Amino acid sequence: RKGNCHDNAVAESFFHSLKIEWVRNRTYKNIEEAKQSIFKYIELFYNRQRLHSTNGYQAPFAFEACRAA
């Protein structure tokens, strides 16, 4: 199909959150430090603690656990 304006909405929303909530006003000594910091954001905060409106204001980890049970 031809391009749909909603195709990138999820990715754009994630990267906006990453920039505003985590990367903004931080400086990294090198690329490895940046990679580790972003990994922590995704794995420890975004997926386990941050509430998502599309999941009924649950973190993805908790939402998936409820669905699997």
C-alpha atoms as a PDB file:
ATOM      1  CA  ARG A   1       0.000   0.000   0.000  1.00  0.00           C
ATOM      2  CA  LYS A   2       1.019   3.560  -0.339  1.00  0.00           C
ATOM      3  CA  GLY A   3       2.407   5.421   2.690  1.00  0.00           C
ATOM      4  CA  ASN A   4       0.058   5.892   5.604  1.00  0.00           C
ATOM      5  CA  CYS A   5       0.620   8.761   8.015  1.00  0.00           C
ATOM      6  CA  HIS A   6      -0.019   6.440  10.980  1.00  0.00           C
ATOM      7  CA  ASP A   7       2.685   3.893  10.067  1.00  0.00           C
ATOM      8  CA  ASN A   8       5.372   5.609  12.117  1.00  0.00           C
ATOM      9  CA  ALA A   9       3.192   6.956  14.922  1.00  0.00           C
ATOM     10  CA  VAL A  10       4.247   4.345  17.502  1.00  0.00           C
ATOM     11  CA  ALA A  11       7.948   4.723  16.761  1.00  0.00           C
ATOM     12  CA  GLU A  12       7.743   8.504  16.734  1.00  0.00           C
ATOM     13  CA  SER A  13       5.905   8.480  20.060  1.00  0.00           C
ATOM     14  CA  PHE A  14       8.552   6.217  21.609  1.00  0.00           C
ATOM     15  CA  PHE A  15      11.469   8.335  20.399  1.00  0.00           C
ATOM     16  CA  HIS A  16       9.748  11.503  21.606  1.00  0.00           C
ATOM     17  CA  SER A  17       9.352   9.961  25.064  1.00  0.00           C
ATOM     18  CA  LEU A  18      12.964   8.791  25.056  1.00  0.00           C
ATOM     19  CA  LYS A  19      14.255  12.229  24.157  1.00  0.00           C
ATOM     20  CA  ILE A  20      12.055  14.159  26.596  1.00  0.00           C
ATOM     21  CA  GLU A  21      12.141  11.768  29.563  1.00  0.00           C
ATOM     22  CA  TRP A  22      15.699  10.450  29.383  1.00  0.00           C
ATOM     23  CA  VAL A  23      18.205  11.913  26.941  1.00  0.00           C
ATOM     24  CA  ARG A  24      17.370  15.609  27.228  1.00  0.00           C
ATOM     25  CA  ASN A  25      19.883  17.531  29.342  1.00  0.00           C
ATOM     26  CA  ARG A  26      22.221  14.534  29.667  1.00  0.00           C
ATOM     27  CA  THR A  27      25.701  14.347  28.270  1.00  0.00           C
ATOM     28  CA  TYR A  28      27.485  11.100  27.540  1.00  0.00           C
ATOM     29  CA  LYS A  29      31.237  10.554  27.567  1.00  0.00           C
ATOM     30  CA  ASN A  30      31.111   8.083  24.683  1.00  0.00           C
ATOM     31  CA  ILE A  31      28.756   6.011  22.559  1.00  0.00           C
ATOM     32  CA  GLU A  32      28.973   3.019  24.909  1.00  0.00           C
ATOM     33  CA  GLU A  33      27.752   5.087  27.847  1.00  0.00           C
ATOM     34  CA  ALA A  34      24.854   6.352  25.722  1.00  0.00           C
ATOM     35  CA  LYS A  35      23.950   2.800  24.662  1.00  0.00           C
ATOM     36  CA  GLN A  36      23.931   1.585  28.278  1.00  0.00           C
ATOM     37  CA  SER A  37      21.830   4.525  29.403  1.00  0.00           C
ATOM     38  CA  ILE A  38      19.254   4.009  26.656  1.00  0.00           C
ATOM     39  CA  PHE A  39      19.160   0.271  27.375  1.00  0.00           C
ATOM     40  CA  LYS A  40      18.359   1.080  31.022  1.00  0.00           C
ATOM     41  CA  TYR A  41      15.600   3.441  29.931  1.00  0.00           C
ATOM     42  CA  ILE A  42      13.976   0.843  27.703  1.00  0.00           C
ATOM     43  CA  GLU A  43      14.373  -2.262  29.846  1.00  0.00           C
ATOM     44  CA  LEU A  44      14.120  -0.874  33.370  1.00  0.00           C
ATOM     45  CA  PHE A  45      11.858   2.141  33.035  1.00  0.00           C
ATOM     46  CA  TYR A  46       9.862   2.177  29.788  1.00  0.00           C
ATOM     47  CA  ASN A  47       8.849  -1.502  29.811  1.00  0.00           C
ATOM     48  CA  ARG A  48       8.573  -2.075  33.570  1.00  0.00           C
ATOM     49  CA  GLN A  49       7.500   1.177  35.234  1.00  0.00           C
ATOM     50  CA  ARG A  50       6.224   3.750  32.743  1.00  0.00           C
ATOM     51  CA  LEU A  51       2.455   3.723  32.432  1.00  0.00           C
ATOM     52  CA  HIS A  52       1.054   3.529  28.892  1.00  0.00           C
ATOM     53  CA  SER A  53      -2.413   4.817  28.061  1.00  0.00           C
ATOM     54  CA  THR A  54      -2.926   2.164  25.371  1.00  0.00           C
ATOM     55  CA  ASN A  55      -2.448  -0.533  28.043  1.00  0.00           C
ATOM     56  CA  GLY A  56      -5.029   0.889  30.412  1.00  0.00           C
ATOM     57  CA  TYR A  57      -2.328   2.875  32.222  1.00  0.00           C
ATOM     58  CA  GLN A  58      -0.243  -0.190  33.014  1.00  0.00           C
ATOM     59  CA  ALA A  59       3.418  -0.766  32.269  1.00  0.00           C
ATOM     60  CA  PRO A  60       3.963  -3.130  29.294  1.00  0.00           C
ATOM     61  CA  PHE A  61       5.578  -5.762  31.551  1.00  0.00           C
ATOM     62  CA  ALA A  62       2.533  -5.840  33.877  1.00  0.00           C
ATOM     63  CA  PHE A  63       0.109  -5.693  30.970  1.00  0.00           C
ATOM     64  CA  GLU A  64       1.707  -8.711  29.298  1.00  0.00           C
ATOM     65  CA  ALA A  65       1.817 -10.610  32.599  1.00  0.00           C
ATOM     66  CA  CYS A  66      -1.938 -10.097  33.044  1.00  0.00           C
ATOM     67  CA  ARG A  67      -2.644 -11.264  29.512  1.00  0.00           C
ATOM     68  CA  ALA A  68      -0.521 -14.405  29.901  1.00  0.00           C
ATOM     69  CA  ALA A  69      -2.304 -15.467  33.106  1.00  0.00           C
END
